[in-house]
């Protein structure tokens, strides 16, 4: 327990992400649906999100780790 009388952990994180519109869609996934979910949330095409992600992979930084973290945090669409 987290001291607030409720359950903490990943289910609570998933619920918070879903309330914000961050879900991985069942349709249109390429790998895990993270980029398609981000594209839906921000109103851009999934193709554009994928291209931007691939271009950012050429730059130094934790892009791949961020993708993995979002895969864990973003719930799958029901």
PDB file of N, CA and C in Angstrom:
ATOM      1  N   UNK A   1       0.830  -1.181   0.000  1.00  0.00           N
ATOM      2  CA  UNK A   1       0.000   0.000   0.000  1.00  0.00           C
ATOM      3  C   UNK A   1       0.873   1.242   0.000  1.00  0.00           C
ATOM      4  N   UNK A   2       0.332   2.316  -0.513  1.00  0.00           N
ATOM      5  CA  UNK A   2       1.107   3.544  -0.622  1.00  0.00           C
ATOM      6  C   UNK A   2       0.801   4.538   0.486  1.00  0.00           C
ATOM      7  N   UNK A   3       0.074   4.124   1.502  1.00  0.00           N
ATOM      8  CA  UNK A   3      -0.206   5.007   2.616  1.00  0.00           C
ATOM      9  C   UNK A   3      -1.441   5.863   2.430  1.00  0.00           C
ATOM     10  N   UNK A   4      -2.087   5.790   1.278  1.00  0.00           N
ATOM     11  CA  UNK A   4      -3.284   6.584   1.011  1.00  0.00           C
ATOM     12  C   UNK A   4      -4.536   5.721   1.034  1.00  0.00           C
ATOM     13  N   UNK A   5      -4.409   4.474   1.423  1.00  0.00           N
ATOM     14  CA  UNK A   5      -5.561   3.600   1.496  1.00  0.00           C
ATOM     15  C   UNK A   5      -5.906   2.940   0.180  1.00  0.00           C
ATOM     16  N   UNK A   6      -5.213   3.273  -0.903  1.00  0.00           N
ATOM     17  CA  UNK A   6      -5.488   2.685  -2.206  1.00  0.00           C
ATOM     18  C   UNK A   6      -4.300   1.886  -2.689  1.00  0.00           C
ATOM     19  N   UNK A   7      -4.505   1.232  -3.779  1.00  0.00           N
ATOM     20  CA  UNK A   7      -3.399   0.481  -4.361  1.00  0.00           C
ATOM     21  C   UNK A   7      -2.597   1.405  -5.261  1.00  0.00           C
ATOM     22  N   UNK A   8      -1.298   1.284  -5.192  1.00  0.00           N
ATOM     23  CA  UNK A   8      -0.426   2.060  -6.056  1.00  0.00           C
ATOM     24  C   UNK A   8       0.098   1.170  -7.153  1.00  0.00           C
ATOM     25  N   UNK A   9       1.146   1.610  -7.784  1.00  0.00           N
ATOM     26  CA  UNK A   9       1.804   0.781  -8.771  1.00  0.00           C
ATOM     27  C   UNK A   9       1.324   1.013 -10.182  1.00  0.00           C
ATOM     28  N   UNK A  10       1.618   0.025 -11.007  1.00  0.00           N
ATOM     29  CA  UNK A  10       1.358   0.138 -12.436  1.00  0.00           C
ATOM     30  C   UNK A  10      -0.118   0.321 -12.792  1.00  0.00           C
ATOM     31  N   UNK A  11      -1.068  -0.361 -12.146  1.00  0.00           N
ATOM     32  CA  UNK A  11      -2.475  -0.097 -12.497  1.00  0.00           C
ATOM     33  C   UNK A  11      -2.875   1.359 -12.308  1.00  0.00           C
ATOM     34  N   UNK A  12      -2.355   1.993 -11.274  1.00  0.00           N
ATOM     35  CA  UNK A  12      -2.661   3.400 -11.036  1.00  0.00           C
ATOM     36  C   UNK A  12      -2.028   4.278 -12.115  1.00  0.00           C
ATOM     37  N   UNK A  13      -0.825   3.948 -12.532  1.00  0.00           N
ATOM     38  CA  UNK A  13      -0.151   4.687 -13.598  1.00  0.00           C
ATOM     39  C   UNK A  13      -0.923   4.524 -14.908  1.00  0.00           C
ATOM     40  N   UNK A  14      -1.355   3.294 -15.207  1.00  0.00           N
ATOM     41  CA  UNK A  14      -2.139   3.047 -16.423  1.00  0.00           C
ATOM     42  C   UNK A  14      -3.425   3.868 -16.417  1.00  0.00           C
ATOM     43  N   UNK A  15      -4.099   3.924 -15.266  1.00  0.00           N
ATOM     44  CA  UNK A  15      -5.343   4.689 -15.178  1.00  0.00           C
ATOM     45  C   UNK A  15      -5.089   6.171 -15.425  1.00  0.00           C
ATOM     46  N   UNK A  16      -4.006   6.702 -14.874  1.00  0.00           N
ATOM     47  CA  UNK A  16      -3.671   8.111 -15.088  1.00  0.00           C
ATOM     48  C   UNK A  16      -3.355   8.409 -16.539  1.00  0.00           C
ATOM     49  N   UNK A  17      -2.615   7.514 -17.189  1.00  0.00           N
ATOM     50  CA  UNK A  17      -2.291   7.708 -18.604  1.00  0.00           C
ATOM     51  C   UNK A  17      -3.549   7.642 -19.456  1.00  0.00           C
ATOM     52  N   UNK A  18      -4.441   6.700 -19.142  1.00  0.00           N
ATOM     53  CA  UNK A  18      -5.680   6.570 -19.918  1.00  0.00           C
ATOM     54  C   UNK A  18      -6.555   7.805 -19.767  1.00  0.00           C
ATOM     55  N   UNK A  19      -6.602   8.388 -18.566  1.00  0.00           N
ATOM     56  CA  UNK A  19      -7.385   9.619 -18.364  1.00  0.00           C
ATOM     57  C   UNK A  19      -6.852  10.760 -19.218  1.00  0.00           C
ATOM     58  N   UNK A  20      -5.560  10.749 -19.495  1.00  0.00           N
ATOM     59  CA  UNK A  20      -4.949  11.807 -20.301  1.00  0.00           C
ATOM     60  C   UNK A  20      -5.006  11.504 -21.793  1.00  0.00           C
ATOM     61  N   UNK A  21      -5.607  10.384 -22.157  1.00  0.00           N
ATOM     62  CA  UNK A  21      -5.724  10.021 -23.566  1.00  0.00           C
ATOM     63  C   UNK A  21      -4.516   9.294 -24.118  1.00  0.00           C
ATOM     64  N   UNK A  22      -3.624   8.846 -23.254  1.00  0.00           N
ATOM     65  CA  UNK A  22      -2.437   8.117 -23.701  1.00  0.00           C
ATOM     66  C   UNK A  22      -2.701   6.612 -23.609  1.00  0.00           C
ATOM     67  N   UNK A  23      -3.165   6.050 -24.699  1.00  0.00           N
ATOM     68  CA  UNK A  23      -3.389   4.605 -24.773  1.00  0.00           C
ATOM     69  C   UNK A  23      -2.776   4.086 -26.063  1.00  0.00           C
ATOM     70  N   UNK A  24      -2.357   2.825 -26.025  1.00  0.00           N
ATOM     71  CA  UNK A  24      -1.816   2.187 -27.225  1.00  0.00           C
ATOM     72  C   UNK A  24      -2.985   1.538 -27.972  1.00  0.00           C
ATOM     73  N   UNK A  25      -3.294   2.013 -29.185  1.00  0.00           N
ATOM     74  CA  UNK A  25      -4.450   1.480 -29.916  1.00  0.00           C
ATOM     75  C   UNK A  25      -4.223   0.037 -30.353  1.00  0.00           C
ATOM     76  N   UNK A  26      -5.310  -0.693 -30.499  1.00  0.00           N
ATOM     77  CA  UNK A  26      -5.226  -2.080 -30.970  1.00  0.00           C
ATOM     78  C   UNK A  26      -4.984  -2.122 -32.485  1.00  0.00           C
ATOM     79  N   UNK A  27      -5.519  -1.151 -33.204  1.00  0.00           N
ATOM     80  CA  UNK A  27      -5.364  -1.092 -34.658  1.00  0.00           C
ATOM     81  C   UNK A  27      -4.269  -0.088 -35.010  1.00  0.00           C
ATOM     82  N   UNK A  28      -3.476  -0.404 -36.025  1.00  0.00           N
ATOM     83  CA  UNK A  28      -2.469   0.521 -36.518  1.00  0.00           C
ATOM     84  C   UNK A  28      -1.129   0.435 -35.809  1.00  0.00           C
ATOM     85  N   UNK A  29      -0.916  -0.616 -35.054  1.00  0.00           N
ATOM     86  CA  UNK A  29       0.366  -0.782 -34.369  1.00  0.00           C
ATOM     87  C   UNK A  29       1.426  -1.257 -35.343  1.00  0.00           C
ATOM     88  N   UNK A  30       2.658  -0.814 -35.109  1.00  0.00           N
ATOM     89  CA  UNK A  30       3.792  -1.356 -35.856  1.00  0.00           C
ATOM     90  C   UNK A  30       4.599  -2.271 -34.938  1.00  0.00           C
ATOM     91  N   UNK A  31       4.935  -1.798 -33.755  1.00  0.00           N
ATOM     92  CA  UNK A  31       5.665  -2.610 -32.772  1.00  0.00           C
ATOM     93  C   UNK A  31       4.770  -2.784 -31.552  1.00  0.00           C
ATOM     94  N   UNK A  32       4.686  -1.754 -30.729  1.00  0.00           N
ATOM     95  CA  UNK A  32       3.875  -1.850 -29.510  1.00  0.00           C
ATOM     96  C   UNK A  32       2.699  -0.881 -29.521  1.00  0.00           C
ATOM     97  N   UNK A  33       2.657   0.012 -30.488  1.00  0.00           N
ATOM     98  CA  UNK A  33       1.575   0.984 -30.551  1.00  0.00           C
ATOM     99  C   UNK A  33       1.855   2.278 -29.814  1.00  0.00           C
ATOM    100  N   UNK A  34       3.062   2.434 -29.301  1.00  0.00           N
ATOM    101  CA  UNK A  34       3.398   3.633 -28.532  1.00  0.00           C
ATOM    102  C   UNK A  34       3.321   4.879 -29.412  1.00  0.00           C
ATOM    103  N   UNK A  35       3.942   4.831 -30.563  1.00  0.00           N
ATOM    104  CA  UNK A  35       3.958   6.019 -31.428  1.00  0.00           C
ATOM    105  C   UNK A  35       2.580   6.299 -32.018  1.00  0.00           C
ATOM    106  N   UNK A  36       1.819   5.257 -32.317  1.00  0.00           N
ATOM    107  CA  UNK A  36       0.444   5.456 -32.797  1.00  0.00           C
ATOM    108  C   UNK A  36      -0.403   6.088 -31.706  1.00  0.00           C
ATOM    109  N   UNK A  37      -0.205   5.664 -30.462  1.00  0.00           N
ATOM    110  CA  UNK A  37      -0.937   6.254 -29.346  1.00  0.00           C
ATOM    111  C   UNK A  37      -0.572   7.706 -29.113  1.00  0.00           C
ATOM    112  N   UNK A  38       0.716   8.017 -29.193  1.00  0.00           N
ATOM    113  CA  UNK A  38       1.147   9.411 -29.054  1.00  0.00           C
ATOM    114  C   UNK A  38       0.599  10.263 -30.192  1.00  0.00           C
ATOM    115  N   UNK A  39       0.606   9.715 -31.403  1.00  0.00           N
ATOM    116  CA  UNK A  39       0.081  10.452 -32.550  1.00  0.00           C
ATOM    117  C   UNK A  39      -1.408  10.737 -32.376  1.00  0.00           C
ATOM    118  N   UNK A  40      -2.162   9.755 -31.930  1.00  0.00           N
ATOM    119  CA  UNK A  40      -3.597   9.965 -31.696  1.00  0.00           C
ATOM    120  C   UNK A  40      -3.824  11.020 -30.626  1.00  0.00           C
ATOM    121  N   UNK A  41      -3.036  10.976 -29.566  1.00  0.00           N
ATOM    122  CA  UNK A  41      -3.201  11.913 -28.452  1.00  0.00           C
ATOM    123  C   UNK A  41      -2.920  13.348 -28.878  1.00  0.00           C
ATOM    124  N   UNK A  42      -1.915  13.548 -29.730  1.00  0.00           N
ATOM    125  CA  UNK A  42      -1.518  14.899 -30.119  1.00  0.00           C
ATOM    126  C   UNK A  42      -2.032  15.324 -31.489  1.00  0.00           C
ATOM    127  N   UNK A  43      -2.859  14.488 -32.120  1.00  0.00           N
ATOM    128  CA  UNK A  43      -3.523  14.876 -33.355  1.00  0.00           C
ATOM    129  C   UNK A  43      -2.637  14.928 -34.588  1.00  0.00           C
ATOM    130  N   UNK A  44      -1.621  14.079 -34.646  1.00  0.00           N
ATOM    131  CA  UNK A  44      -0.786  14.002 -35.843  1.00  0.00           C
ATOM    132  C   UNK A  44      -0.908  12.595 -36.421  1.00  0.00           C
ATOM    133  N   UNK A  45      -0.387  12.407 -37.615  1.00  0.00           N
ATOM    134  CA  UNK A  45      -0.478  11.081 -38.223  1.00  0.00           C
ATOM    135  C   UNK A  45       0.556  10.146 -37.587  1.00  0.00           C
ATOM    136  N   UNK A  46       0.205   8.874 -37.453  1.00  0.00           N
ATOM    137  CA  UNK A  46       1.172   7.906 -36.923  1.00  0.00           C
ATOM    138  C   UNK A  46       2.440   7.835 -37.766  1.00  0.00           C
ATOM    139  N   UNK A  47       2.315   7.994 -39.080  1.00  0.00           N
ATOM    140  CA  UNK A  47       3.480   7.975 -39.958  1.00  0.00           C
ATOM    141  C   UNK A  47       4.447   9.097 -39.597  1.00  0.00           C
ATOM    142  N   UNK A  48       3.913  10.295 -39.362  1.00  0.00           N
ATOM    143  CA  UNK A  48       4.762  11.434 -38.995  1.00  0.00           C
ATOM    144  C   UNK A  48       5.451  11.184 -37.657  1.00  0.00           C
ATOM    145  N   UNK A  49       4.735  10.614 -36.705  1.00  0.00           N
ATOM    146  CA  UNK A  49       5.339  10.319 -35.397  1.00  0.00           C
ATOM    147  C   UNK A  49       6.467   9.309 -35.549  1.00  0.00           C
ATOM    148  N   UNK A  50       6.269   8.314 -36.401  1.00  0.00           N
ATOM    149  CA  UNK A  50       7.310   7.300 -36.611  1.00  0.00           C
ATOM    150  C   UNK A  50       8.536   7.888 -37.292  1.00  0.00           C
ATOM    151  N   UNK A  51       8.317   8.767 -38.263  1.00  0.00           N
ATOM    152  CA  UNK A  51       9.442   9.397 -38.960  1.00  0.00           C
ATOM    153  C   UNK A  51      10.239  10.272 -37.990  1.00  0.00           C
ATOM    154  N   UNK A  52       9.537  11.063 -37.192  1.00  0.00           N
ATOM    155  CA  UNK A  52      10.223  11.915 -36.214  1.00  0.00           C
ATOM    156  C   UNK A  52      11.021  11.054 -35.237  1.00  0.00           C
ATOM    157  N   UNK A  53      10.434   9.955 -34.763  1.00  0.00           N
ATOM    158  CA  UNK A  53      11.145   9.076 -33.832  1.00  0.00           C
ATOM    159  C   UNK A  53      12.394   8.494 -34.490  1.00  0.00           C
ATOM    160  N   UNK A  54      12.279   8.033 -35.726  1.00  0.00           N
ATOM    161  CA  UNK A  54      13.444   7.464 -36.405  1.00  0.00           C
ATOM    162  C   UNK A  54      14.549   8.502 -36.611  1.00  0.00           C
ATOM    163  N   UNK A  55      14.168   9.727 -36.937  1.00  0.00           N
ATOM    164  CA  UNK A  55      15.161  10.789 -37.107  1.00  0.00           C
ATOM    165  C   UNK A  55      15.842  11.095 -35.772  1.00  0.00           C
ATOM    166  N   UNK A  56      15.062  11.102 -34.682  1.00  0.00           N
ATOM    167  CA  UNK A  56      15.674  11.400 -33.381  1.00  0.00           C
ATOM    168  C   UNK A  56      16.614  10.289 -32.924  1.00  0.00           C
ATOM    169  N   UNK A  57      16.461   9.099 -33.456  1.00  0.00           N
ATOM    170  CA  UNK A  57      17.388   8.021 -33.107  1.00  0.00           C
ATOM    171  C   UNK A  57      18.806   8.317 -33.594  1.00  0.00           C
ATOM    172  N   UNK A  58      18.940   9.201 -34.573  1.00  0.00           N
ATOM    173  CA  UNK A  58      20.256   9.595 -35.063  1.00  0.00           C
ATOM    174  C   UNK A  58      20.966  10.541 -34.103  1.00  0.00           C
ATOM    175  N   UNK A  59      20.219  11.151 -33.198  1.00  0.00           N
ATOM    176  CA  UNK A  59      20.776  12.084 -32.222  1.00  0.00           C
ATOM    177  C   UNK A  59      21.114  11.341 -30.934  1.00  0.00           C
ATOM    178  N   UNK A  60      22.085  11.819 -30.193  1.00  0.00           N
ATOM    179  CA  UNK A  60      22.374  11.179 -28.908  1.00  0.00           C
ATOM    180  C   UNK A  60      21.246  11.448 -27.911  1.00  0.00           C
ATOM    181  N   UNK A  61      20.948  10.460 -27.119  1.00  0.00           N
ATOM    182  CA  UNK A  61      19.903  10.623 -26.112  1.00  0.00           C
ATOM    183  C   UNK A  61      19.217   9.305 -25.797  1.00  0.00           C
ATOM    184  N   UNK A  62      18.308   9.343 -24.849  1.00  0.00           N
ATOM    185  CA  UNK A  62      17.656   8.123 -24.367  1.00  0.00           C
ATOM    186  C   UNK A  62      16.333   7.810 -25.078  1.00  0.00           C
ATOM    187  N   UNK A  63      16.252   8.054 -26.386  1.00  0.00           N
ATOM    188  CA  UNK A  63      14.993   7.863 -27.096  1.00  0.00           C
ATOM    189  C   UNK A  63      14.466   6.440 -26.971  1.00  0.00           C
ATOM    190  N   UNK A  64      15.323   5.458 -27.130  1.00  0.00           N
ATOM    191  CA  UNK A  64      14.882   4.069 -27.077  1.00  0.00           C
ATOM    192  C   UNK A  64      14.398   3.716 -25.673  1.00  0.00           C
ATOM    193  N   UNK A  65      15.088   4.233 -24.651  1.00  0.00           N
ATOM    194  CA  UNK A  65      14.652   3.983 -23.276  1.00  0.00           C
ATOM    195  C   UNK A  65      13.310   4.661 -23.000  1.00  0.00           C
ATOM    196  N   UNK A  66      13.104   5.839 -23.565  1.00  0.00           N
ATOM    197  CA  UNK A  66      11.816   6.519 -23.413  1.00  0.00           C
ATOM    198  C   UNK A  66      10.704   5.716 -24.074  1.00  0.00           C
ATOM    199  N   UNK A  67      10.985   5.136 -25.242  1.00  0.00           N
ATOM    200  CA  UNK A  67      10.004   4.294 -25.920  1.00  0.00           C
ATOM    201  C   UNK A  67       9.637   3.097 -25.036  1.00  0.00           C
ATOM    202  N   UNK A  68      10.643   2.446 -24.463  1.00  0.00           N
ATOM    203  CA  UNK A  68      10.380   1.294 -23.591  1.00  0.00           C
ATOM    204  C   UNK A  68       9.576   1.701 -22.359  1.00  0.00           C
ATOM    205  N   UNK A  69       9.907   2.851 -21.783  1.00  0.00           N
ATOM    206  CA  UNK A  69       9.164   3.331 -20.610  1.00  0.00           C
ATOM    207  C   UNK A  69       7.711   3.616 -20.967  1.00  0.00           C
ATOM    208  N   UNK A  70       7.488   4.242 -22.117  1.00  0.00           N
ATOM    209  CA  UNK A  70       6.114   4.521 -22.542  1.00  0.00           C
ATOM    210  C   UNK A  70       5.352   3.239 -22.836  1.00  0.00           C
ATOM    211  N   UNK A  71       6.033   2.227 -23.348  1.00  0.00           N
ATOM    212  CA  UNK A  71       5.420   0.923 -23.606  1.00  0.00           C
ATOM    213  C   UNK A  71       4.868   0.354 -22.296  1.00  0.00           C
ATOM    214  N   UNK A  72       5.614   0.537 -21.224  1.00  0.00           N
ATOM    215  CA  UNK A  72       5.190   0.025 -19.926  1.00  0.00           C
ATOM    216  C   UNK A  72       4.087   0.893 -19.314  1.00  0.00           C
ATOM    217  N   UNK A  73       4.231   2.207 -19.445  1.00  0.00           N
ATOM    218  CA  UNK A  73       3.313   3.134 -18.788  1.00  0.00           C
ATOM    219  C   UNK A  73       1.964   3.247 -19.504  1.00  0.00           C
ATOM    220  N   UNK A  74       1.986   3.237 -20.837  1.00  0.00           N
ATOM    221  CA  UNK A  74       0.747   3.425 -21.601  1.00  0.00           C
ATOM    222  C   UNK A  74      -0.058   2.130 -21.636  1.00  0.00           C
ATOM    223  N   UNK A  75      -1.307   2.170 -21.191  1.00  0.00           N
ATOM    224  CA  UNK A  75      -2.127   0.965 -21.237  1.00  0.00           C
ATOM    225  C   UNK A  75      -2.582   0.674 -22.669  1.00  0.00           C
ATOM    226  N   UNK A  76      -2.882  -0.570 -22.922  1.00  0.00           N
ATOM    227  CA  UNK A  76      -3.432  -0.950 -24.219  1.00  0.00           C
ATOM    228  C   UNK A  76      -4.909  -0.559 -24.257  1.00  0.00           C
ATOM    229  N   UNK A  77      -5.365  -0.162 -25.421  1.00  0.00           N
ATOM    230  CA  UNK A  77      -6.754   0.214 -25.602  1.00  0.00           C
ATOM    231  C   UNK A  77      -7.653  -0.985 -25.330  1.00  0.00           C
ATOM    232  N   UNK A  78      -8.758  -0.742 -24.681  1.00  0.00           N
ATOM    233  CA  UNK A  78      -9.676  -1.853 -24.352  1.00  0.00           C
ATOM    234  C   UNK A  78     -10.655  -2.106 -25.440  1.00  0.00           C
TER     235      UNK A  78
END
